[in-house]
Amino acid sequence: LPATGLLFIGLAATLQIGTPSLGHALRSISVASALGLMLVV
């Protein structure tokens, strides 16, 4: 649990909303998907 919880917080800290860069958007979508997967599990 501590490892997974801190991983969740670290990933959430990388989310960037409204960035024009395609690379940033792809990274944010990937991160949001990983966070969502944790909550679904």
PDB file of all heavy atoms in Angstrom:
ATOM      1  N   LEU A   1       0.791  -1.230   0.000  1.00  0.00           N
ATOM      2  CA  LEU A   1       0.000   0.000   0.000  1.00  0.00           C
ATOM      3  C   LEU A   1       0.831   1.292   0.000  1.00  0.00           C
ATOM      4  O   LEU A   1       0.541   2.202  -0.787  1.00  0.00           O
ATOM      5  CB  LEU A   1      -0.954  -0.017   1.197  1.00  0.00           C
ATOM      6  CG  LEU A   1      -1.999   1.091   1.256  1.00  0.00           C
ATOM      7  CD1 LEU A   1      -2.798   1.148  -0.039  1.00  0.00           C
ATOM      8  CD2 LEU A   1      -2.931   0.882   2.438  1.00  0.00           C
ATOM      9  N   PRO A   2       1.860   1.452   0.842  1.00  0.00           N
ATOM     10  CA  PRO A   2       2.620   2.712   0.798  1.00  0.00           C
ATOM     11  C   PRO A   2       3.250   2.971  -0.562  1.00  0.00           C
ATOM     12  O   PRO A   2       3.258   4.118  -1.040  1.00  0.00           O
ATOM     13  CB  PRO A   2       3.684   2.521   1.886  1.00  0.00           C
ATOM     14  CG  PRO A   2       3.121   1.499   2.807  1.00  0.00           C
ATOM     15  CD  PRO A   2       2.331   0.573   1.935  1.00  0.00           C
ATOM     16  N   ALA A   3       3.775   1.931  -1.186  1.00  0.00           N
ATOM     17  CA  ALA A   3       4.392   2.108  -2.502  1.00  0.00           C
ATOM     18  C   ALA A   3       3.361   2.546  -3.529  1.00  0.00           C
ATOM     19  O   ALA A   3       3.587   3.479  -4.311  1.00  0.00           O
ATOM     20  CB  ALA A   3       5.058   0.806  -2.945  1.00  0.00           C
ATOM     21  N   THR A   4       2.200   1.903  -3.535  1.00  0.00           N
ATOM     22  CA  THR A   4       1.163   2.230  -4.512  1.00  0.00           C
ATOM     23  C   THR A   4       0.594   3.622  -4.261  1.00  0.00           C
ATOM     24  O   THR A   4       0.349   4.385  -5.205  1.00  0.00           O
ATOM     25  CB  THR A   4       0.046   1.179  -4.454  1.00  0.00           C
ATOM     26  OG1 THR A   4       0.613  -0.128  -4.612  1.00  0.00           O
ATOM     27  CG2 THR A   4      -0.985   1.407  -5.549  1.00  0.00           C
ATOM     28  N   GLY A   5       0.382   3.975  -2.987  1.00  0.00           N
ATOM     29  CA  GLY A   5      -0.158   5.298  -2.668  1.00  0.00           C
ATOM     30  C   GLY A   5       0.760   6.426  -3.089  1.00  0.00           C
ATOM     31  O   GLY A   5       0.315   7.440  -3.658  1.00  0.00           O
ATOM     32  N   LEU A   6       2.045   6.303  -2.818  1.00  0.00           N
ATOM     33  CA  LEU A   6       2.993   7.350  -3.202  1.00  0.00           C
ATOM     34  C   LEU A   6       3.187   7.400  -4.713  1.00  0.00           C
ATOM     35  O   LEU A   6       3.411   8.472  -5.289  1.00  0.00           O
ATOM     36  CB  LEU A   6       4.328   7.144  -2.488  1.00  0.00           C
ATOM     37  CG  LEU A   6       4.294   7.557  -1.012  1.00  0.00           C
ATOM     38  CD1 LEU A   6       5.470   6.988  -0.253  1.00  0.00           C
ATOM     39  CD2 LEU A   6       4.288   9.081  -0.886  1.00  0.00           C
ATOM     40  N   LEU A   7       3.101   6.249  -5.368  1.00  0.00           N
ATOM     41  CA  LEU A   7       3.147   6.226  -6.829  1.00  0.00           C
ATOM     42  C   LEU A   7       1.963   6.994  -7.399  1.00  0.00           C
ATOM     43  O   LEU A   7       2.104   7.759  -8.369  1.00  0.00           O
ATOM     44  CB  LEU A   7       3.145   4.782  -7.310  1.00  0.00           C
ATOM     45  CG  LEU A   7       3.261   4.542  -8.817  1.00  0.00           C
ATOM     46  CD1 LEU A   7       4.563   5.111  -9.360  1.00  0.00           C
ATOM     47  CD2 LEU A   7       3.162   3.044  -9.126  1.00  0.00           C
ATOM     48  N   PHE A   8       0.798   6.821  -6.803  1.00  0.00           N
ATOM     49  CA  PHE A   8      -0.404   7.541  -7.229  1.00  0.00           C
ATOM     50  C   PHE A   8      -0.198   9.056  -7.098  1.00  0.00           C
ATOM     51  O   PHE A   8      -0.486   9.819  -8.020  1.00  0.00           O
ATOM     52  CB  PHE A   8      -1.590   7.096  -6.365  1.00  0.00           C
ATOM     53  CG  PHE A   8      -2.916   7.663  -6.785  1.00  0.00           C
ATOM     54  CD1 PHE A   8      -3.752   6.959  -7.638  1.00  0.00           C
ATOM     55  CD2 PHE A   8      -3.339   8.906  -6.321  1.00  0.00           C
ATOM     56  CE1 PHE A   8      -4.986   7.492  -8.022  1.00  0.00           C
ATOM     57  CE2 PHE A   8      -4.557   9.438  -6.700  1.00  0.00           C
ATOM     58  CZ  PHE A   8      -5.390   8.725  -7.557  1.00  0.00           C
ATOM     59  N   ILE A   9       0.327   9.500  -5.953  1.00  0.00           N
ATOM     60  CA  ILE A   9       0.551  10.934  -5.728  1.00  0.00           C
ATOM     61  C   ILE A   9       1.590  11.480  -6.707  1.00  0.00           C
ATOM     62  O   ILE A   9       1.435  12.577  -7.263  1.00  0.00           O
ATOM     63  CB  ILE A   9       0.980  11.174  -4.277  1.00  0.00           C
ATOM     64  CG1 ILE A   9      -0.183  10.855  -3.329  1.00  0.00           C
ATOM     65  CG2 ILE A   9       1.444  12.619  -4.065  1.00  0.00           C
ATOM     66  CD1 ILE A   9       0.204  10.822  -1.867  1.00  0.00           C
ATOM     67  N   GLY A  10       2.655  10.711  -6.931  1.00  0.00           N
ATOM     68  CA  GLY A  10       3.683  11.156  -7.863  1.00  0.00           C
ATOM     69  C   GLY A  10       3.151  11.294  -9.277  1.00  0.00           C
ATOM     70  O   GLY A  10       3.441  12.282  -9.972  1.00  0.00           O
ATOM     71  N   LEU A  11       2.364  10.318  -9.722  1.00  0.00           N
ATOM     72  CA  LEU A  11       1.781  10.399 -11.066  1.00  0.00           C
ATOM     73  C   LEU A  11       0.827  11.575 -11.180  1.00  0.00           C
ATOM     74  O   LEU A  11       0.829  12.302 -12.187  1.00  0.00           O
ATOM     75  CB  LEU A  11       1.053   9.096 -11.392  1.00  0.00           C
ATOM     76  CG  LEU A  11       1.931   7.890 -11.740  1.00  0.00           C
ATOM     77  CD1 LEU A  11       1.102   6.623 -11.800  1.00  0.00           C
ATOM     78  CD2 LEU A  11       2.658   8.118 -13.072  1.00  0.00           C
ATOM     79  N   ALA A  12       0.003  11.773 -10.143  1.00  0.00           N
ATOM     80  CA  ALA A  12      -0.949  12.893 -10.185  1.00  0.00           C
ATOM     81  C   ALA A  12      -0.220  14.233 -10.281  1.00  0.00           C
ATOM     82  O   ALA A  12      -0.735  15.182 -10.892  1.00  0.00           O
ATOM     83  CB  ALA A  12      -1.837  12.865  -8.943  1.00  0.00           C
ATOM     84  N   ALA A  13       0.961  14.325  -9.689  1.00  0.00           N
ATOM     85  CA  ALA A  13       1.724  15.589  -9.724  1.00  0.00           C
ATOM     86  C   ALA A  13       2.222  15.919 -11.124  1.00  0.00           C
ATOM     87  O   ALA A  13       2.598  17.068 -11.391  1.00  0.00           O
ATOM     88  CB  ALA A  13       2.901  15.500  -8.764  1.00  0.00           C
ATOM     89  N   THR A  14       2.229  14.939 -12.031  1.00  0.00           N
ATOM     90  CA  THR A  14       2.727  15.191 -13.387  1.00  0.00           C
ATOM     91  C   THR A  14       1.632  15.595 -14.370  1.00  0.00           C
ATOM     92  O   THR A  14       1.930  15.932 -15.513  1.00  0.00           O
ATOM     93  CB  THR A  14       3.436  13.936 -13.943  1.00  0.00           C
ATOM     94  OG1 THR A  14       2.463  12.905 -14.176  1.00  0.00           O
ATOM     95  CG2 THR A  14       4.481  13.423 -12.962  1.00  0.00           C
ATOM     96  N   LEU A  15       0.380  15.530 -13.938  1.00  0.00           N
ATOM     97  CA  LEU A  15      -0.719  15.876 -14.840  1.00  0.00           C
ATOM     98  C   LEU A  15      -0.635  17.342 -15.245  1.00  0.00           C
ATOM     99  O   LEU A  15      -0.462  18.226 -14.403  1.00  0.00           O
ATOM    100  CB  LEU A  15      -2.070  15.619 -14.177  1.00  0.00           C
ATOM    101  CG  LEU A  15      -2.593  14.181 -14.176  1.00  0.00           C
ATOM    102  CD1 LEU A  15      -3.874  14.100 -13.370  1.00  0.00           C
ATOM    103  CD2 LEU A  15      -2.824  13.681 -15.599  1.00  0.00           C
ATOM    104  N   GLN A  16      -0.797  17.581 -16.525  1.00  0.00           N
ATOM    105  CA  GLN A  16      -0.811  18.957 -17.047  1.00  0.00           C
ATOM    106  C   GLN A  16      -2.071  19.129 -17.895  1.00  0.00           C
ATOM    107  O   GLN A  16      -2.273  18.404 -18.860  1.00  0.00           O
ATOM    108  CB  GLN A  16       0.436  19.249 -17.882  1.00  0.00           C
ATOM    109  CG  GLN A  16       1.722  19.132 -17.071  1.00  0.00           C
ATOM    110  CD  GLN A  16       2.933  19.533 -17.883  1.00  0.00           C
ATOM    111  OE1 GLN A  16       2.857  20.409 -18.739  1.00  0.00           O
ATOM    112  NE2 GLN A  16       4.066  18.905 -17.611  1.00  0.00           N
ATOM    113  N   ILE A  17      -2.907  20.083 -17.484  1.00  0.00           N
ATOM    114  CA  ILE A  17      -4.187  20.305 -18.159  1.00  0.00           C
ATOM    115  C   ILE A  17      -4.076  21.513 -19.082  1.00  0.00           C
ATOM    116  O   ILE A  17      -3.535  22.557 -18.703  1.00  0.00           O
ATOM    117  CB  ILE A  17      -5.305  20.533 -17.123  1.00  0.00           C
ATOM    118  CG1 ILE A  17      -5.362  19.364 -16.145  1.00  0.00           C
ATOM    119  CG2 ILE A  17      -6.642  20.717 -17.820  1.00  0.00           C
ATOM    120  CD1 ILE A  17      -5.629  18.025 -16.778  1.00  0.00           C
ATOM    121  N   GLY A  18      -4.595  21.353 -20.282  1.00  0.00           N
ATOM    122  CA  GLY A  18      -4.677  22.490 -21.203  1.00  0.00           C
ATOM    123  C   GLY A  18      -3.368  22.860 -21.868  1.00  0.00           C
ATOM    124  O   GLY A  18      -3.217  23.967 -22.364  1.00  0.00           O
ATOM    125  N   THR A  19      -2.376  21.961 -21.900  1.00  0.00           N
ATOM    126  CA  THR A  19      -1.102  22.266 -22.545  1.00  0.00           C
ATOM    127  C   THR A  19      -1.232  22.041 -24.051  1.00  0.00           C
ATOM    128  O   THR A  19      -1.785  21.027 -24.490  1.00  0.00           O
ATOM    129  CB  THR A  19       0.018  21.376 -21.981  1.00  0.00           C
ATOM    130  OG1 THR A  19      -0.376  20.021 -22.082  1.00  0.00           O
ATOM    131  CG2 THR A  19       0.293  21.710 -20.529  1.00  0.00           C
ATOM    132  N   PRO A  20      -0.694  22.964 -24.868  1.00  0.00           N
ATOM    133  CA  PRO A  20      -0.858  22.852 -26.318  1.00  0.00           C
ATOM    134  C   PRO A  20       0.009  21.762 -26.929  1.00  0.00           C
ATOM    135  O   PRO A  20      -0.271  21.275 -28.020  1.00  0.00           O
ATOM    136  CB  PRO A  20      -0.436  24.228 -26.824  1.00  0.00           C
ATOM    137  CG  PRO A  20       0.502  24.741 -25.776  1.00  0.00           C
ATOM    138  CD  PRO A  20       0.011  24.189 -24.471  1.00  0.00           C
ATOM    139  N   SER A  21       1.075  21.352 -26.242  1.00  0.00           N
ATOM    140  CA  SER A  21       2.009  20.381 -26.795  1.00  0.00           C
ATOM    141  C   SER A  21       1.368  19.001 -26.901  1.00  0.00           C
ATOM    142  O   SER A  21       0.738  18.524 -25.952  1.00  0.00           O
ATOM    143  CB  SER A  21       3.270  20.306 -25.925  1.00  0.00           C
ATOM    144  OG  SER A  21       4.022  19.168 -26.239  1.00  0.00           O
ATOM    145  N   LEU A  22       1.545  18.355 -28.052  1.00  0.00           N
ATOM    146  CA  LEU A  22       1.020  17.009 -28.247  1.00  0.00           C
ATOM    147  C   LEU A  22       1.698  16.022 -27.304  1.00  0.00           C
ATOM    148  O   LEU A  22       1.054  15.141 -26.743  1.00  0.00           O
ATOM    149  CB  LEU A  22       1.218  16.577 -29.701  1.00  0.00           C
ATOM    150  CG  LEU A  22       0.744  15.146 -30.051  1.00  0.00           C
ATOM    151  CD1 LEU A  22      -0.753  15.012 -29.807  1.00  0.00           C
ATOM    152  CD2 LEU A  22       1.101  14.800 -31.498  1.00  0.00           C
ATOM    153  N   GLY A  23       3.017  16.191 -27.097  1.00  0.00           N
ATOM    154  CA  GLY A  23       3.741  15.307 -26.192  1.00  0.00           C
ATOM    155  C   GLY A  23       3.220  15.407 -24.777  1.00  0.00           C
ATOM    156  O   GLY A  23       3.020  14.382 -24.109  1.00  0.00           O
ATOM    157  N   HIS A  24       2.966  16.624 -24.308  1.00  0.00           N
ATOM    158  CA  HIS A  24       2.409  16.823 -22.969  1.00  0.00           C
ATOM    159  C   HIS A  24       1.017  16.200 -22.862  1.00  0.00           C
ATOM    160  O   HIS A  24       0.667  15.596 -21.843  1.00  0.00           O
ATOM    161  CB  HIS A  24       2.345  18.315 -22.649  1.00  0.00           C
ATOM    162  CG  HIS A  24       3.678  18.894 -22.292  1.00  0.00           C
ATOM    163  ND1 HIS A  24       3.896  20.252 -22.205  1.00  0.00           N
ATOM    164  CD2 HIS A  24       4.852  18.298 -21.990  1.00  0.00           C
ATOM    165  CE1 HIS A  24       5.163  20.468 -21.868  1.00  0.00           C
ATOM    166  NE2 HIS A  24       5.756  19.300 -21.736  1.00  0.00           N
ATOM    167  N   ALA A  25       0.236  16.359 -23.910  1.00  0.00           N
ATOM    168  CA  ALA A  25      -1.121  15.812 -23.896  1.00  0.00           C
ATOM    169  C   ALA A  25      -1.084  14.282 -23.819  1.00  0.00           C
ATOM    170  O   ALA A  25      -1.844  13.665 -23.063  1.00  0.00           O
ATOM    171  CB  ALA A  25      -1.873  16.262 -25.143  1.00  0.00           C
ATOM    172  N   LEU A  26      -0.189  13.673 -24.597  1.00  0.00           N
ATOM    173  CA  LEU A  26      -0.078  12.212 -24.559  1.00  0.00           C
ATOM    174  C   LEU A  26       0.365  11.724 -23.192  1.00  0.00           C
ATOM    175  O   LEU A  26      -0.148  10.724 -22.671  1.00  0.00           O
ATOM    176  CB  LEU A  26       0.901  11.741 -25.635  1.00  0.00           C
ATOM    177  CG  LEU A  26       0.415  11.844 -27.087  1.00  0.00           C
ATOM    178  CD1 LEU A  26       1.531  11.468 -28.060  1.00  0.00           C
ATOM    179  CD2 LEU A  26      -0.803  10.957 -27.308  1.00  0.00           C
ATOM    180  N   ARG A  27       1.325  12.433 -22.592  1.00  0.00           N
ATOM    181  CA  ARG A  27       1.787  12.042 -21.260  1.00  0.00           C
ATOM    182  C   ARG A  27       0.665  12.166 -20.239  1.00  0.00           C
ATOM    183  O   ARG A  27       0.488  11.302 -19.368  1.00  0.00           O
ATOM    184  CB  ARG A  27       3.005  12.875 -20.852  1.00  0.00           C
ATOM    185  CG  ARG A  27       4.296  12.453 -21.528  1.00  0.00           C
ATOM    186  CD  ARG A  27       5.510  13.035 -20.835  1.00  0.00           C
ATOM    187  NE  ARG A  27       5.607  14.467 -21.020  1.00  0.00           N
ATOM    188  CZ  ARG A  27       6.270  15.060 -22.015  1.00  0.00           C
ATOM    189  NH1 ARG A  27       6.904  14.316 -22.913  1.00  0.00           N
ATOM    190  NH2 ARG A  27       6.324  16.362 -22.103  1.00  0.00           N
ATOM    191  N   SER A  28      -0.098  13.258 -20.330  1.00  0.00           N
ATOM    192  CA  SER A  28      -1.191  13.451 -19.379  1.00  0.00           C
ATOM    193  C   SER A  28      -2.281  12.400 -19.545  1.00  0.00           C
ATOM    194  O   SER A  28      -2.844  11.909 -18.556  1.00  0.00           O
ATOM    195  CB  SER A  28      -1.781  14.858 -19.543  1.00  0.00           C
ATOM    196  OG  SER A  28      -0.843  15.835 -19.136  1.00  0.00           O
ATOM    197  N   ILE A  29      -2.581  12.038 -20.791  1.00  0.00           N
ATOM    198  CA  ILE A  29      -3.576  10.991 -21.032  1.00  0.00           C
ATOM    199  C   ILE A  29      -3.087   9.663 -20.467  1.00  0.00           C
ATOM    200  O   ILE A  29      -3.851   8.912 -19.840  1.00  0.00           O
ATOM    201  CB  ILE A  29      -3.878  10.867 -22.536  1.00  0.00           C
ATOM    202  CG1 ILE A  29      -4.630  12.119 -23.028  1.00  0.00           C
ATOM    203  CG2 ILE A  29      -4.696   9.610 -22.828  1.00  0.00           C
ATOM    204  CD1 ILE A  29      -4.784  12.185 -24.533  1.00  0.00           C
ATOM    205  N   SER A  30      -1.811   9.372 -20.660  1.00  0.00           N
ATOM    206  CA  SER A  30      -1.241   8.127 -20.131  1.00  0.00           C
ATOM    207  C   SER A  30      -1.297   8.097 -18.612  1.00  0.00           C
ATOM    208  O   SER A  30      -1.668   7.086 -18.004  1.00  0.00           O
ATOM    209  CB  SER A  30       0.208   7.965 -20.610  1.00  0.00           C
ATOM    210  OG  SER A  30       0.289   7.933 -22.012  1.00  0.00           O
ATOM    211  N   VAL A  31      -0.947   9.223 -17.994  1.00  0.00           N
ATOM    212  CA  VAL A  31      -0.966   9.303 -16.534  1.00  0.00           C
ATOM    213  C   VAL A  31      -2.392   9.171 -16.012  1.00  0.00           C
ATOM    214  O   VAL A  31      -2.654   8.437 -15.047  1.00  0.00           O
ATOM    215  CB  VAL A  31      -0.323  10.620 -16.060  1.00  0.00           C
ATOM    216  CG1 VAL A  31      -0.608  10.857 -14.577  1.00  0.00           C
ATOM    217  CG2 VAL A  31       1.175  10.602 -16.312  1.00  0.00           C
ATOM    218  N   ALA A  32      -3.323   9.902 -16.637  1.00  0.00           N
ATOM    219  CA  ALA A  32      -4.719   9.839 -16.203  1.00  0.00           C
ATOM    220  C   ALA A  32      -5.258   8.413 -16.330  1.00  0.00           C
ATOM    221  O   ALA A  32      -6.013   7.934 -15.472  1.00  0.00           O
ATOM    222  CB  ALA A  32      -5.571  10.800 -17.020  1.00  0.00           C
ATOM    223  N   SER A  33      -4.851   7.702 -17.362  1.00  0.00           N
ATOM    224  CA  SER A  33      -5.289   6.311 -17.547  1.00  0.00           C
ATOM    225  C   SER A  33      -4.737   5.420 -16.438  1.00  0.00           C
ATOM    226  O   SER A  33      -5.444   4.553 -15.912  1.00  0.00           O
ATOM    227  CB  SER A  33      -4.840   5.792 -18.913  1.00  0.00           C
ATOM    228  OG  SER A  33      -5.395   6.577 -19.954  1.00  0.00           O
ATOM    229  N   ALA A  34      -3.463   5.639 -16.071  1.00  0.00           N
ATOM    230  CA  ALA A  34      -2.861   4.837 -14.996  1.00  0.00           C
ATOM    231  C   ALA A  34      -3.540   5.117 -13.662  1.00  0.00           C
ATOM    232  O   ALA A  34      -3.819   4.184 -12.888  1.00  0.00           O
ATOM    233  CB  ALA A  34      -1.369   5.137 -14.899  1.00  0.00           C
ATOM    234  N   LEU A  35      -3.827   6.379 -13.383  1.00  0.00           N
ATOM    235  CA  LEU A  35      -4.529   6.722 -12.145  1.00  0.00           C
ATOM    236  C   LEU A  35      -5.924   6.106 -12.117  1.00  0.00           C
ATOM    237  O   LEU A  35      -6.372   5.578 -11.092  1.00  0.00           O
ATOM    238  CB  LEU A  35      -4.618   8.244 -12.002  1.00  0.00           C
ATOM    239  CG  LEU A  35      -3.298   9.003 -11.839  1.00  0.00           C
ATOM    240  CD1 LEU A  35      -3.551  10.503 -11.860  1.00  0.00           C
ATOM    241  CD2 LEU A  35      -2.595   8.605 -10.564  1.00  0.00           C
ATOM    242  N   GLY A  36      -6.599   6.190 -13.254  1.00  0.00           N
ATOM    243  CA  GLY A  36      -7.926   5.591 -13.336  1.00  0.00           C
ATOM    244  C   GLY A  36      -7.883   4.086 -13.138  1.00  0.00           C
ATOM    245  O   GLY A  36      -8.765   3.509 -12.491  1.00  0.00           O
ATOM    246  N   LEU A  37      -6.844   3.440 -13.674  1.00  0.00           N
ATOM    247  CA  LEU A  37      -6.700   1.999 -13.512  1.00  0.00           C
ATOM    248  C   LEU A  37      -6.565   1.635 -12.038  1.00  0.00           C
ATOM    249  O   LEU A  37      -7.169   0.651 -11.576  1.00  0.00           O
ATOM    250  CB  LEU A  37      -5.475   1.512 -14.292  1.00  0.00           C
ATOM    251  CG  LEU A  37      -5.102   0.028 -14.101  1.00  0.00           C
ATOM    252  CD1 LEU A  37      -6.231  -0.867 -14.635  1.00  0.00           C
ATOM    253  CD2 LEU A  37      -3.789  -0.286 -14.814  1.00  0.00           C
ATOM    254  N   MET A  38      -5.785   2.404 -11.305  1.00  0.00           N
ATOM    255  CA  MET A  38      -5.624   2.135  -9.868  1.00  0.00           C
ATOM    256  C   MET A  38      -6.965   2.201  -9.155  1.00  0.00           C
ATOM    257  O   MET A  38      -7.291   1.338  -8.328  1.00  0.00           O
ATOM    258  CB  MET A  38      -4.649   3.140  -9.242  1.00  0.00           C
ATOM    259  CG  MET A  38      -3.218   3.002  -9.693  1.00  0.00           C
ATOM    260  SD  MET A  38      -2.141   4.098  -8.737  1.00  0.00           S
ATOM    261  CE  MET A  38      -0.634   3.980  -9.694  1.00  0.00           C
ATOM    262  N   LEU A  39      -7.746   3.232  -9.454  1.00  0.00           N
ATOM    263  CA  LEU A  39      -9.036   3.391  -8.786  1.00  0.00           C
ATOM    264  C   LEU A  39     -10.023   2.306  -9.211  1.00  0.00           C
ATOM    265  O   LEU A  39     -10.832   1.843  -8.401  1.00  0.00           O
ATOM    266  CB  LEU A  39      -9.603   4.781  -9.087  1.00  0.00           C
ATOM    267  CG  LEU A  39      -8.787   5.954  -8.517  1.00  0.00           C
ATOM    268  CD1 LEU A  39      -9.375   7.290  -8.967  1.00  0.00           C
ATOM    269  CD2 LEU A  39      -8.736   5.890  -7.006  1.00  0.00           C
ATOM    270  N   VAL A  40      -9.952   1.878 -10.468  1.00  0.00           N
ATOM    271  CA  VAL A  40     -10.826   0.800 -10.937  1.00  0.00           C
ATOM    272  C   VAL A  40     -10.495  -0.501 -10.212  1.00  0.00           C
ATOM    273  O   VAL A  40     -11.388  -1.251  -9.792  1.00  0.00           O
ATOM    274  CB  VAL A  40     -10.695   0.622 -12.466  1.00  0.00           C
ATOM    275  CG1 VAL A  40     -11.336  -0.689 -12.916  1.00  0.00           C
ATOM    276  CG2 VAL A  40     -11.345   1.793 -13.188  1.00  0.00           C
ATOM    277  N   VAL A  41      -9.201  -0.781 -10.035  1.00  0.00           N
ATOM    278  CA  VAL A  41      -8.784  -1.992  -9.330  1.00  0.00           C
ATOM    279  C   VAL A  41      -9.322  -1.994  -7.906  1.00  0.00           C
ATOM    280  O   VAL A  41      -9.818  -3.003  -7.398  1.00  0.00           O
ATOM    281  CB  VAL A  41      -7.252  -2.129  -9.340  1.00  0.00           C
ATOM    282  CG1 VAL A  41      -6.802  -3.218  -8.374  1.00  0.00           C
ATOM    283  CG2 VAL A  41      -6.751  -2.443 -10.745  1.00  0.00           C
TER     284      VAL A  41
END
